[in-house]
Amino acid sequence: MTRWSIVGLLAILAAGAIAVGVARLLGRSGSRSSVLVSVIAHWLGAWSLWNFGAGLAHHLGWLAVYDGPLFLVLALVLGIWHYRARLASPERGRVVFVGGQLAWLAIVLVRNGFFP
C-alpha cells in the first residue's frame, strides 16, 4: 500500500511539474493549471506534515486520537475553496490555506481534550 501511495504522489507531482513547465513556456505562469498544481502541492505537503507530526506526538503520548480520514475530508473541501480563492487573489488563497491549518489544529486539540 505504501508503494502505491508513493507512486501516486510522484505521478501527481510529475504531472504538476509538467503542467507548470508548459504554462511557463507559454508565458502563463499564473494559469489555472499551475494554480491547481500549487494548491494540490500545498495540501499534500500539509497532509504529510500533519501525519508525521501526529505520529510523533502519538508516539510520545501527547495525542490520544488523530483522524487522518477527517483531515482528508477537510483538505478536499478547503482545497476547492483554496483554489477558487487563489484564482481571485494570491492573498485570499493564503488566508484560506492558513485558516484551514488553524481549523485543523483546533479540531485535533478539541478531539484530544485540550479544551474543556
PDB file of N, CA and C in Angstrom:
ATOM      1  N   MET A   1       0.818  -1.191   0.000  1.00  0.00           N
ATOM      2  CA  MET A   1       0.000   0.000   0.000  1.00  0.00           C
ATOM      3  C   MET A   1       0.864   1.257   0.000  1.00  0.00           C
ATOM      4  N   THR A   2       1.954   1.232   0.742  1.00  0.00           N
ATOM      5  CA  THR A   2       2.827   2.400   0.815  1.00  0.00           C
ATOM      6  C   THR A   2       3.456   2.685  -0.540  1.00  0.00           C
ATOM      7  N   ARG A   3       3.857   1.633  -1.249  1.00  0.00           N
ATOM      8  CA  ARG A   3       4.451   1.833  -2.580  1.00  0.00           C
ATOM      9  C   ARG A   3       3.478   2.527  -3.513  1.00  0.00           C
ATOM     10  N   TRP A   4       2.217   2.088  -3.487  1.00  0.00           N
ATOM     11  CA  TRP A   4       1.227   2.703  -4.372  1.00  0.00           C
ATOM     12  C   TRP A   4       0.964   4.158  -3.991  1.00  0.00           C
ATOM     13  N   SER A   5       1.006   4.446  -2.719  1.00  0.00           N
ATOM     14  CA  SER A   5       0.832   5.833  -2.281  1.00  0.00           C
ATOM     15  C   SER A   5       1.982   6.694  -2.785  1.00  0.00           C
ATOM     16  N   ILE A   6       3.195   6.182  -2.663  1.00  0.00           N
ATOM     17  CA  ILE A   6       4.367   6.933  -3.122  1.00  0.00           C
ATOM     18  C   ILE A   6       4.340   7.097  -4.636  1.00  0.00           C
ATOM     19  N   VAL A   7       3.997   6.037  -5.349  1.00  0.00           N
ATOM     20  CA  VAL A   7       3.916   6.121  -6.811  1.00  0.00           C
ATOM     21  C   VAL A   7       2.839   7.126  -7.225  1.00  0.00           C
ATOM     22  N   GLY A   8       1.693   7.086  -6.553  1.00  0.00           N
ATOM     23  CA  GLY A   8       0.629   8.053  -6.855  1.00  0.00           C
ATOM     24  C   GLY A   8       1.052   9.484  -6.585  1.00  0.00           C
ATOM     25  N   LEU A   9       1.716   9.694  -5.460  1.00  0.00           N
ATOM     26  CA  LEU A   9       2.199  11.029  -5.124  1.00  0.00           C
ATOM     27  C   LEU A   9       3.210  11.521  -6.154  1.00  0.00           C
ATOM     28  N   LEU A  10       4.142  10.662  -6.525  1.00  0.00           N
ATOM     29  CA  LEU A  10       5.149  11.049  -7.519  1.00  0.00           C
ATOM     30  C   LEU A  10       4.511  11.321  -8.878  1.00  0.00           C
ATOM     31  N   ALA A  11       3.491  10.544  -9.241  1.00  0.00           N
ATOM     32  CA  ALA A  11       2.802  10.770 -10.511  1.00  0.00           C
ATOM     33  C   ALA A  11       2.088  12.121 -10.511  1.00  0.00           C
ATOM     34  N   ILE A  12       1.443  12.455  -9.407  1.00  0.00           N
ATOM     35  CA  ILE A  12       0.762  13.753  -9.312  1.00  0.00           C
ATOM     36  C   ILE A  12       1.772  14.892  -9.385  1.00  0.00           C
ATOM     37  N   LEU A  13       2.872  14.753  -8.663  1.00  0.00           N
ATOM     38  CA  LEU A  13       3.889  15.809  -8.687  1.00  0.00           C
ATOM     39  C   LEU A  13       4.540  15.938 -10.057  1.00  0.00           C
ATOM     40  N   ALA A  14       4.793  14.821 -10.737  1.00  0.00           N
ATOM     41  CA  ALA A  14       5.385  14.872 -12.072  1.00  0.00           C
ATOM     42  C   ALA A  14       4.429  15.532 -13.056  1.00  0.00           C
ATOM     43  N   ALA A  15       3.145  15.151 -12.992  1.00  0.00           N
ATOM     44  CA  ALA A  15       2.157  15.772 -13.873  1.00  0.00           C
ATOM     45  C   ALA A  15       2.045  17.263 -13.586  1.00  0.00           C
ATOM     46  N   GLY A  16       2.126  17.625 -12.327  1.00  0.00           N
ATOM     47  CA  GLY A  16       2.074  19.036 -11.963  1.00  0.00           C
ATOM     48  C   GLY A  16       3.277  19.801 -12.464  1.00  0.00           C
ATOM     49  N   ALA A  17       4.452  19.201 -12.343  1.00  0.00           N
ATOM     50  CA  ALA A  17       5.662  19.864 -12.816  1.00  0.00           C
ATOM     51  C   ALA A  17       5.614  20.065 -14.326  1.00  0.00           C
ATOM     52  N   ILE A  18       5.099  19.081 -15.036  1.00  0.00           N
ATOM     53  CA  ILE A  18       4.968  19.212 -16.488  1.00  0.00           C
ATOM     54  C   ILE A  18       3.971  20.313 -16.834  1.00  0.00           C
ATOM     55  N   ALA A  19       2.834  20.349 -16.125  1.00  0.00           N
ATOM     56  CA  ALA A  19       1.822  21.386 -16.389  1.00  0.00           C
ATOM     57  C   ALA A  19       2.373  22.777 -16.110  1.00  0.00           C
ATOM     58  N   VAL A  20       3.108  22.925 -15.016  1.00  0.00           N
ATOM     59  CA  VAL A  20       3.688  24.231 -14.696  1.00  0.00           C
ATOM     60  C   VAL A  20       4.736  24.603 -15.732  1.00  0.00           C
ATOM     61  N   GLY A  21       5.562  23.654 -16.141  1.00  0.00           N
ATOM     62  CA  GLY A  21       6.582  23.926 -17.152  1.00  0.00           C
ATOM     63  C   GLY A  21       5.981  24.373 -18.470  1.00  0.00           C
ATOM     64  N   VAL A  22       4.927  23.679 -18.908  1.00  0.00           N
ATOM     65  CA  VAL A  22       4.254  24.062 -20.151  1.00  0.00           C
ATOM     66  C   VAL A  22       3.626  25.446 -20.016  1.00  0.00           C
ATOM     67  N   ALA A  23       3.007  25.727 -18.869  1.00  0.00           N
ATOM     68  CA  ALA A  23       2.380  27.040 -18.654  1.00  0.00           C
ATOM     69  C   ALA A  23       3.433  28.147 -18.694  1.00  0.00           C
ATOM     70  N   ARG A  24       4.590  27.897 -18.102  1.00  0.00           N
ATOM     71  CA  ARG A  24       5.638  28.918 -18.116  1.00  0.00           C
ATOM     72  C   ARG A  24       6.215  29.098 -19.502  1.00  0.00           C
ATOM     73  N   LEU A  25       6.345  28.010 -20.264  1.00  0.00           N
ATOM     74  CA  LEU A  25       6.836  28.134 -21.632  1.00  0.00           C
ATOM     75  C   LEU A  25       5.881  28.960 -22.487  1.00  0.00           C
ATOM     76  N   LEU A  26       4.597  28.814 -22.208  1.00  0.00           N
ATOM     77  CA  LEU A  26       3.598  29.576 -22.951  1.00  0.00           C
ATOM     78  C   LEU A  26       3.396  30.980 -22.390  1.00  0.00           C
ATOM     79  N   GLY A  27       4.125  31.316 -21.326  1.00  0.00           N
ATOM     80  CA  GLY A  27       4.032  32.657 -20.763  1.00  0.00           C
ATOM     81  C   GLY A  27       2.852  32.873 -19.853  1.00  0.00           C
ATOM     82  N   ARG A  28       2.274  31.798 -19.328  1.00  0.00           N
ATOM     83  CA  ARG A  28       1.106  31.919 -18.451  1.00  0.00           C
ATOM     84  C   ARG A  28       1.386  31.252 -17.115  1.00  0.00           C
ATOM     85  N   SER A  29       2.315  31.794 -16.345  1.00  0.00           N
ATOM     86  CA  SER A  29       2.680  31.148 -15.080  1.00  0.00           C
ATOM     87  C   SER A  29       1.564  31.205 -14.045  1.00  0.00           C
ATOM     88  N   GLY A  30       0.633  32.106 -14.188  1.00  0.00           N
ATOM     89  CA  GLY A  30      -0.493  32.193 -13.267  1.00  0.00           C
ATOM     90  C   GLY A  30      -1.730  31.508 -13.805  1.00  0.00           C
ATOM     91  N   SER A  31      -1.555  30.575 -14.727  1.00  0.00           N
ATOM     92  CA  SER A  31      -2.698  29.917 -15.343  1.00  0.00           C
ATOM     93  C   SER A  31      -3.414  29.010 -14.351  1.00  0.00           C
ATOM     94  N   ARG A  32      -4.590  28.581 -14.731  1.00  0.00           N
ATOM     95  CA  ARG A  32      -5.401  27.727 -13.863  1.00  0.00           C
ATOM     96  C   ARG A  32      -4.683  26.422 -13.543  1.00  0.00           C
ATOM     97  N   SER A  33      -3.981  25.874 -14.515  1.00  0.00           N
ATOM     98  CA  SER A  33      -3.313  24.595 -14.253  1.00  0.00           C
ATOM     99  C   SER A  33      -2.181  24.749 -13.247  1.00  0.00           C
ATOM    100  N   SER A  34      -1.416  25.834 -13.342  1.00  0.00           N
ATOM    101  CA  SER A  34      -0.342  25.999 -12.365  1.00  0.00           C
ATOM    102  C   SER A  34      -0.887  26.359 -10.989  1.00  0.00           C
ATOM    103  N   VAL A  35      -2.005  27.064 -10.929  1.00  0.00           N
ATOM    104  CA  VAL A  35      -2.642  27.339  -9.637  1.00  0.00           C
ATOM    105  C   VAL A  35      -3.165  26.038  -9.034  1.00  0.00           C
ATOM    106  N   LEU A  36      -3.757  25.185  -9.857  1.00  0.00           N
ATOM    107  CA  LEU A  36      -4.260  23.896  -9.379  1.00  0.00           C
ATOM    108  C   LEU A  36      -3.121  23.043  -8.830  1.00  0.00           C
ATOM    109  N   VAL A  37      -2.014  22.991  -9.546  1.00  0.00           N
ATOM    110  CA  VAL A  37      -0.866  22.215  -9.077  1.00  0.00           C
ATOM    111  C   VAL A  37      -0.337  22.787  -7.770  1.00  0.00           C
ATOM    112  N   SER A  38      -0.303  24.089  -7.655  1.00  0.00           N
ATOM    113  CA  SER A  38       0.171  24.730  -6.433  1.00  0.00           C
ATOM    114  C   SER A  38      -0.729  24.378  -5.246  1.00  0.00           C
ATOM    115  N   VAL A  39      -2.020  24.426  -5.448  1.00  0.00           N
ATOM    116  CA  VAL A  39      -2.974  24.107  -4.376  1.00  0.00           C
ATOM    117  C   VAL A  39      -2.843  22.638  -3.972  1.00  0.00           C
ATOM    118  N   ILE A  40      -2.722  21.746  -4.947  1.00  0.00           N
ATOM    119  CA  ILE A  40      -2.557  20.324  -4.638  1.00  0.00           C
ATOM    120  C   ILE A  40      -1.270  20.103  -3.859  1.00  0.00           C
ATOM    121  N   ALA A  41      -0.196  20.765  -4.265  1.00  0.00           N
ATOM    122  CA  ALA A  41       1.080  20.620  -3.559  1.00  0.00           C
ATOM    123  C   ALA A  41       0.990  21.145  -2.131  1.00  0.00           C
ATOM    124  N   HIS A  42       0.276  22.261  -1.932  1.00  0.00           N
ATOM    125  CA  HIS A  42       0.091  22.793  -0.581  1.00  0.00           C
ATOM    126  C   HIS A  42      -0.586  21.760   0.318  1.00  0.00           C
ATOM    127  N   TRP A  43      -1.690  21.194  -0.155  1.00  0.00           N
ATOM    128  CA  TRP A  43      -2.470  20.286   0.684  1.00  0.00           C
ATOM    129  C   TRP A  43      -1.790  18.934   0.864  1.00  0.00           C
ATOM    130  N   LEU A  44      -1.054  18.461  -0.148  1.00  0.00           N
ATOM    131  CA  LEU A  44      -0.293  17.220   0.037  1.00  0.00           C
ATOM    132  C   LEU A  44       0.834  17.422   1.048  1.00  0.00           C
ATOM    133  N   GLY A  45       1.479  18.569   0.970  1.00  0.00           N
ATOM    134  CA  GLY A  45       2.522  18.873   1.950  1.00  0.00           C
ATOM    135  C   GLY A  45       1.954  18.988   3.352  1.00  0.00           C
ATOM    136  N   ALA A  46       0.813  19.647   3.476  1.00  0.00           N
ATOM    137  CA  ALA A  46       0.175  19.775   4.792  1.00  0.00           C
ATOM    138  C   ALA A  46      -0.221  18.407   5.328  1.00  0.00           C
ATOM    139  N   TRP A  47      -0.762  17.548   4.459  1.00  0.00           N
ATOM    140  CA  TRP A  47      -1.163  16.207   4.876  1.00  0.00           C
ATOM    141  C   TRP A  47       0.032  15.421   5.393  1.00  0.00           C
ATOM    142  N   SER A  48       1.140  15.476   4.662  1.00  0.00           N
ATOM    143  CA  SER A  48       2.298  14.698   5.097  1.00  0.00           C
ATOM    144  C   SER A  48       2.886  15.259   6.390  1.00  0.00           C
ATOM    145  N   LEU A  49       2.943  16.568   6.536  1.00  0.00           N
ATOM    146  CA  LEU A  49       3.471  17.151   7.772  1.00  0.00           C
ATOM    147  C   LEU A  49       2.562  16.883   8.965  1.00  0.00           C
ATOM    148  N   TRP A  50       1.254  16.996   8.778  1.00  0.00           N
ATOM    149  CA  TRP A  50       0.331  16.716   9.870  1.00  0.00           C
ATOM    150  C   TRP A  50       0.417  15.250  10.293  1.00  0.00           C
ATOM    151  N   ASN A  51       0.495  14.349   9.317  1.00  0.00           N
ATOM    152  CA  ASN A  51       0.585  12.928   9.673  1.00  0.00           C
ATOM    153  C   ASN A  51       1.894  12.614  10.377  1.00  0.00           C
ATOM    154  N   PHE A  52       2.980  13.194   9.925  1.00  0.00           N
ATOM    155  CA  PHE A  52       4.263  12.979  10.587  1.00  0.00           C
ATOM    156  C   PHE A  52       4.231  13.514  12.014  1.00  0.00           C
ATOM    157  N   GLY A  53       3.763  14.745  12.167  1.00  0.00           N
ATOM    158  CA  GLY A  53       3.687  15.360  13.497  1.00  0.00           C
ATOM    159  C   GLY A  53       2.743  14.617  14.426  1.00  0.00           C
ATOM    160  N   ALA A  54       1.613  14.174  13.907  1.00  0.00           N
ATOM    161  CA  ALA A  54       0.654  13.439  14.739  1.00  0.00           C
ATOM    162  C   ALA A  54       1.206  12.076  15.131  1.00  0.00           C
ATOM    163  N   GLY A  55       1.898  11.419  14.218  1.00  0.00           N
ATOM    164  CA  GLY A  55       2.506  10.133  14.559  1.00  0.00           C
ATOM    165  C   GLY A  55       3.560  10.287  15.638  1.00  0.00           C
ATOM    166  N   LEU A  56       4.360  11.328  15.531  1.00  0.00           N
ATOM    167  CA  LEU A  56       5.380  11.597  16.538  1.00  0.00           C
ATOM    168  C   LEU A  56       4.736  11.951  17.878  1.00  0.00           C
ATOM    169  N   ALA A  57       3.725  12.811  17.856  1.00  0.00           N
ATOM    170  CA  ALA A  57       3.039  13.201  19.097  1.00  0.00           C
ATOM    171  C   ALA A  57       2.328  12.008  19.728  1.00  0.00           C
ATOM    172  N   HIS A  58       1.768  11.135  18.899  1.00  0.00           N
ATOM    173  CA  HIS A  58       1.111   9.934  19.436  1.00  0.00           C
ATOM    174  C   HIS A  58       2.146   9.004  20.071  1.00  0.00           C
ATOM    175  N   HIS A  59       3.274   8.867  19.422  1.00  0.00           N
ATOM    176  CA  HIS A  59       4.344   8.022  19.958  1.00  0.00           C
ATOM    177  C   HIS A  59       4.851   8.547  21.304  1.00  0.00           C
ATOM    178  N   LEU A  60       4.916   9.867  21.436  1.00  0.00           N
ATOM    179  CA  LEU A  60       5.382  10.477  22.677  1.00  0.00           C
ATOM    180  C   LEU A  60       4.296  10.549  23.746  1.00  0.00           C
ATOM    181  N   GLY A  61       3.067  10.218  23.373  1.00  0.00           N
ATOM    182  CA  GLY A  61       1.972  10.218  24.330  1.00  0.00           C
ATOM    183  C   GLY A  61       1.255  11.552  24.455  1.00  0.00           C
ATOM    184  N   TRP A  62       1.524  12.476  23.560  1.00  0.00           N
ATOM    185  CA  TRP A  62       0.883  13.792  23.625  1.00  0.00           C
ATOM    186  C   TRP A  62      -0.513  13.775  23.019  1.00  0.00           C
ATOM    187  N   LEU A  63      -0.748  12.908  22.029  1.00  0.00           N
ATOM    188  CA  LEU A  63      -2.049  12.790  21.380  1.00  0.00           C
ATOM    189  C   LEU A  63      -2.596  11.396  21.608  1.00  0.00           C
ATOM    190  N   ALA A  64      -3.889  11.327  21.903  1.00  0.00           N
ATOM    191  CA  ALA A  64      -4.546  10.031  22.030  1.00  0.00           C
ATOM    192  C   ALA A  64      -5.283   9.677  20.744  1.00  0.00           C
ATOM    193  N   VAL A  65      -5.815  10.693  20.053  1.00  0.00           N
ATOM    194  CA  VAL A  65      -6.642  10.480  18.869  1.00  0.00           C
ATOM    195  C   VAL A  65      -6.149  11.367  17.743  1.00  0.00           C
ATOM    196  N   TYR A  66      -6.016  10.790  16.549  1.00  0.00           N
ATOM    197  CA  TYR A  66      -5.744  11.581  15.345  1.00  0.00           C
ATOM    198  C   TYR A  66      -6.495  10.935  14.200  1.00  0.00           C
ATOM    199  N   ASP A  67      -7.375  11.693  13.572  1.00  0.00           N
ATOM    200  CA  ASP A  67      -8.209  11.179  12.494  1.00  0.00           C
ATOM    201  C   ASP A  67      -7.681  11.643  11.141  1.00  0.00           C
ATOM    202  N   GLY A  68      -6.865  10.824  10.519  1.00  0.00           N
ATOM    203  CA  GLY A  68      -6.343  11.142   9.197  1.00  0.00           C
ATOM    204  C   GLY A  68      -7.430  11.278   8.144  1.00  0.00           C
ATOM    205  N   PRO A  69      -8.433  10.353   8.114  1.00  0.00           N
ATOM    206  CA  PRO A  69      -9.504  10.492   7.120  1.00  0.00           C
ATOM    207  C   PRO A  69     -10.312  11.782   7.276  1.00  0.00           C
ATOM    208  N   LEU A  70     -10.443  12.261   8.491  1.00  0.00           N
ATOM    209  CA  LEU A  70     -11.145  13.527   8.695  1.00  0.00           C
ATOM    210  C   LEU A  70     -10.360  14.684   8.073  1.00  0.00           C
ATOM    211  N   PHE A  71      -9.027  14.615   8.161  1.00  0.00           N
ATOM    212  CA  PHE A  71      -8.205  15.643   7.508  1.00  0.00           C
ATOM    213  C   PHE A  71      -8.383  15.575   6.001  1.00  0.00           C
ATOM    214  N   LEU A  72      -8.528  14.375   5.454  1.00  0.00           N
ATOM    215  CA  LEU A  72      -8.738  14.235   4.017  1.00  0.00           C
ATOM    216  C   LEU A  72     -10.011  14.959   3.580  1.00  0.00           C
ATOM    217  N   VAL A  73     -11.081  14.796   4.341  1.00  0.00           N
ATOM    218  CA  VAL A  73     -12.335  15.472   4.016  1.00  0.00           C
ATOM    219  C   VAL A  73     -12.152  16.991   4.094  1.00  0.00           C
ATOM    220  N   LEU A  74     -11.507  17.440   5.168  1.00  0.00           N
ATOM    221  CA  LEU A  74     -11.251  18.870   5.321  1.00  0.00           C
ATOM    222  C   LEU A  74     -10.382  19.392   4.180  1.00  0.00           C
ATOM    223  N   ALA A  75      -9.347  18.631   3.810  1.00  0.00           N
ATOM    224  CA  ALA A  75      -8.441  19.060   2.749  1.00  0.00           C
ATOM    225  C   ALA A  75      -9.154  19.141   1.401  1.00  0.00           C
ATOM    226  N   LEU A  76     -10.045  18.212   1.121  1.00  0.00           N
ATOM    227  CA  LEU A  76     -10.779  18.260  -0.145  1.00  0.00           C
ATOM    228  C   LEU A  76     -11.698  19.474  -0.219  1.00  0.00           C
ATOM    229  N   VAL A  77     -12.438  19.711   0.861  1.00  0.00           N
ATOM    230  CA  VAL A  77     -13.368  20.851   0.876  1.00  0.00           C
ATOM    231  C   VAL A  77     -12.606  22.174   0.825  1.00  0.00           C
ATOM    232  N   LEU A  78     -11.613  22.301   1.706  1.00  0.00           N
ATOM    233  CA  LEU A  78     -10.856  23.552   1.734  1.00  0.00           C
ATOM    234  C   LEU A  78      -9.933  23.693   0.534  1.00  0.00           C
ATOM    235  N   GLY A  79      -9.520  22.576  -0.069  1.00  0.00           N
ATOM    236  CA  GLY A  79      -8.702  22.648  -1.281  1.00  0.00           C
ATOM    237  C   GLY A  79      -9.469  23.288  -2.432  1.00  0.00           C
ATOM    238  N   ILE A  80     -10.742  22.924  -2.561  1.00  0.00           N
ATOM    239  CA  ILE A  80     -11.576  23.540  -3.603  1.00  0.00           C
ATOM    240  C   ILE A  80     -11.752  25.022  -3.318  1.00  0.00           C
ATOM    241  N   TRP A  81     -12.010  25.354  -2.070  1.00  0.00           N
ATOM    242  CA  TRP A  81     -12.160  26.758  -1.679  1.00  0.00           C
ATOM    243  C   TRP A  81     -10.846  27.505  -1.881  1.00  0.00           C
ATOM    244  N   HIS A  82      -9.743  26.879  -1.514  1.00  0.00           N
ATOM    245  CA  HIS A  82      -8.413  27.468  -1.690  1.00  0.00           C
ATOM    246  C   HIS A  82      -8.155  27.764  -3.168  1.00  0.00           C
ATOM    247  N   TYR A  83      -8.479  26.823  -4.040  1.00  0.00           N
ATOM    248  CA  TYR A  83      -8.278  27.004  -5.479  1.00  0.00           C
ATOM    249  C   TYR A  83      -9.079  28.193  -6.000  1.00  0.00           C
ATOM    250  N   ARG A  84     -10.335  28.251  -5.620  1.00  0.00           N
ATOM    251  CA  ARG A  84     -11.186  29.359  -6.101  1.00  0.00           C
ATOM    252  C   ARG A  84     -10.728  30.705  -5.553  1.00  0.00           C
ATOM    253  N   ALA A  85     -10.324  30.726  -4.291  1.00  0.00           N
ATOM    254  CA  ALA A  85      -9.838  31.963  -3.689  1.00  0.00           C
ATOM    255  C   ALA A  85      -8.517  32.373  -4.321  1.00  0.00           C
ATOM    256  N   ARG A  86      -7.666  31.399  -4.629  1.00  0.00           N
ATOM    257  CA  ARG A  86      -6.359  31.696  -5.223  1.00  0.00           C
ATOM    258  C   ARG A  86      -6.501  32.244  -6.631  1.00  0.00           C
ATOM    259  N   LEU A  87      -7.528  31.802  -7.355  1.00  0.00           N
ATOM    260  CA  LEU A  87      -7.774  32.364  -8.681  1.00  0.00           C
ATOM    261  C   LEU A  87      -8.153  33.833  -8.587  1.00  0.00           C
ATOM    262  N   ALA A  88      -8.863  34.191  -7.534  1.00  0.00           N
ATOM    263  CA  ALA A  88      -9.263  35.587  -7.342  1.00  0.00           C
ATOM    264  C   ALA A  88      -8.078  36.443  -6.901  1.00  0.00           C
ATOM    265  N   SER A  89      -7.289  35.923  -5.955  1.00  0.00           N
ATOM    266  CA  SER A  89      -6.177  36.701  -5.406  1.00  0.00           C
ATOM    267  C   SER A  89      -5.242  35.767  -4.630  1.00  0.00           C
ATOM    268  N   PRO A  90      -3.920  35.940  -4.792  1.00  0.00           N
ATOM    269  CA  PRO A  90      -2.990  35.103  -4.021  1.00  0.00           C
ATOM    270  C   PRO A  90      -3.149  35.268  -2.509  1.00  0.00           C
ATOM    271  N   GLU A  91      -3.475  36.485  -2.068  1.00  0.00           N
ATOM    272  CA  GLU A  91      -3.635  36.727  -0.636  1.00  0.00           C
ATOM    273  C   GLU A  91      -4.829  35.961  -0.083  1.00  0.00           C
ATOM    274  N   ARG A  92      -5.919  35.939  -0.825  1.00  0.00           N
ATOM    275  CA  ARG A  92      -7.103  35.193  -0.380  1.00  0.00           C
ATOM    276  C   ARG A  92      -6.811  33.703  -0.306  1.00  0.00           C
ATOM    277  N   GLY A  93      -6.053  33.203  -1.253  1.00  0.00           N
ATOM    278  CA  GLY A  93      -5.675  31.795  -1.229  1.00  0.00           C
ATOM    279  C   GLY A  93      -4.861  31.453   0.002  1.00  0.00           C
ATOM    280  N   ARG A  94      -3.918  32.335   0.359  1.00  0.00           N
ATOM    281  CA  ARG A  94      -3.108  32.104   1.561  1.00  0.00           C
ATOM    282  C   ARG A  94      -3.961  32.126   2.816  1.00  0.00           C
ATOM    283  N   VAL A  95      -4.904  33.029   2.867  1.00  0.00           N
ATOM    284  CA  VAL A  95      -5.781  33.122   4.036  1.00  0.00           C
ATOM    285  C   VAL A  95      -6.584  31.833   4.201  1.00  0.00           C
ATOM    286  N   VAL A  96      -7.107  31.299   3.110  1.00  0.00           N
ATOM    287  CA  VAL A  96      -7.884  30.061   3.181  1.00  0.00           C
ATOM    288  C   VAL A  96      -6.990  28.907   3.630  1.00  0.00           C
ATOM    289  N   PHE A  97      -5.781  28.824   3.087  1.00  0.00           N
ATOM    290  CA  PHE A  97      -4.884  27.724   3.453  1.00  0.00           C
ATOM    291  C   PHE A  97      -4.476  27.798   4.920  1.00  0.00           C
ATOM    292  N   VAL A  98      -4.041  28.963   5.369  1.00  0.00           N
ATOM    293  CA  VAL A  98      -3.613  29.107   6.766  1.00  0.00           C
ATOM    294  C   VAL A  98      -4.805  28.938   7.702  1.00  0.00           C
ATOM    295  N   GLY A  99      -5.946  29.477   7.334  1.00  0.00           N
ATOM    296  CA  GLY A  99      -7.153  29.296   8.142  1.00  0.00           C
ATOM    297  C   GLY A  99      -7.538  27.825   8.248  1.00  0.00           C
ATOM    298  N   GLY A 100      -7.376  27.081   7.170  1.00  0.00           N
ATOM    299  CA  GLY A 100      -7.655  25.649   7.199  1.00  0.00           C
ATOM    300  C   GLY A 100      -6.717  24.906   8.133  1.00  0.00           C
ATOM    301  N   GLN A 101      -5.455  25.292   8.151  1.00  0.00           N
ATOM    302  CA  GLN A 101      -4.497  24.649   9.056  1.00  0.00           C
ATOM    303  C   GLN A 101      -4.831  24.959  10.509  1.00  0.00           C
ATOM    304  N   LEU A 102      -5.210  26.192  10.785  1.00  0.00           N
ATOM    305  CA  LEU A 102      -5.587  26.562  12.149  1.00  0.00           C
ATOM    306  C   LEU A 102      -6.876  25.857  12.576  1.00  0.00           C
ATOM    307  N   ALA A 103      -7.811  25.716  11.643  1.00  0.00           N
ATOM    308  CA  ALA A 103      -9.048  24.993  11.951  1.00  0.00           C
ATOM    309  C   ALA A 103      -8.739  23.531  12.266  1.00  0.00           C
ATOM    310  N   TRP A 104      -7.830  22.916  11.503  1.00  0.00           N
ATOM    311  CA  TRP A 104      -7.468  21.535  11.771  1.00  0.00           C
ATOM    312  C   TRP A 104      -6.773  21.401  13.127  1.00  0.00           C
ATOM    313  N   LEU A 105      -5.907  22.360  13.453  1.00  0.00           N
ATOM    314  CA  LEU A 105      -5.257  22.338  14.763  1.00  0.00           C
ATOM    315  C   LEU A 105      -6.301  22.396  15.873  1.00  0.00           C
ATOM    316  N   ALA A 106      -7.301  23.250  15.716  1.00  0.00           N
ATOM    317  CA  ALA A 106      -8.358  23.354  16.721  1.00  0.00           C
ATOM    318  C   ALA A 106      -9.133  22.039  16.828  1.00  0.00           C
ATOM    319  N   ILE A 107      -9.416  21.397  15.696  1.00  0.00           N
ATOM    320  CA  ILE A 107     -10.133  20.122  15.711  1.00  0.00           C
ATOM    321  C   ILE A 107      -9.322  19.057  16.450  1.00  0.00           C
ATOM    322  N   VAL A 108      -8.025  18.978  16.150  1.00  0.00           N
ATOM    323  CA  VAL A 108      -7.166  17.984  16.806  1.00  0.00           C
ATOM    324  C   VAL A 108      -7.103  18.237  18.308  1.00  0.00           C
ATOM    325  N   LEU A 109      -6.972  19.499  18.698  1.00  0.00           N
ATOM    326  CA  LEU A 109      -6.899  19.816  20.125  1.00  0.00           C
ATOM    327  C   LEU A 109      -8.201  19.508  20.843  1.00  0.00           C
ATOM    328  N   VAL A 110      -9.329  19.810  20.228  1.00  0.00           N
ATOM    329  CA  VAL A 110     -10.625  19.510  20.840  1.00  0.00           C
ATOM    330  C   VAL A 110     -10.821  17.999  20.950  1.00  0.00           C
ATOM    331  N   ARG A 111     -10.484  17.250  19.902  1.00  0.00           N
ATOM    332  CA  ARG A 111     -10.651  15.788  19.929  1.00  0.00           C
ATOM    333  C   ARG A 111      -9.762  15.117  20.965  1.00  0.00           C
ATOM    334  N   ASN A 112      -8.677  15.776  21.359  1.00  0.00           N
ATOM    335  CA  ASN A 112      -7.768  15.190  22.340  1.00  0.00           C
ATOM    336  C   ASN A 112      -7.958  15.771  23.727  1.00  0.00           C
ATOM    337  N   GLY A 113      -9.012  16.563  23.926  1.00  0.00           N
ATOM    338  CA  GLY A 113      -9.366  17.047  25.256  1.00  0.00           C
ATOM    339  C   GLY A 113      -8.520  18.186  25.774  1.00  0.00           C
ATOM    340  N   PHE A 114      -7.910  18.969  24.911  1.00  0.00           N
ATOM    341  CA  PHE A 114      -7.120  20.102  25.370  1.00  0.00           C
ATOM    342  C   PHE A 114      -8.001  21.281  25.793  1.00  0.00           C
ATOM    343  N   PHE A 115      -9.242  21.292  25.308  1.00  0.00           N
ATOM    344  CA  PHE A 115     -10.198  22.323  25.707  1.00  0.00           C
ATOM    345  C   PHE A 115     -11.345  21.627  26.435  1.00  0.00           C
ATOM    346  N   PRO A 116     -11.768  22.158  27.570  1.00  0.00           N
ATOM    347  CA  PRO A 116     -12.855  21.503  28.319  1.00  0.00           C
ATOM    348  C   PRO A 116     -14.199  21.625  27.619  1.00  0.00           C
TER     349      PRO A 116
END
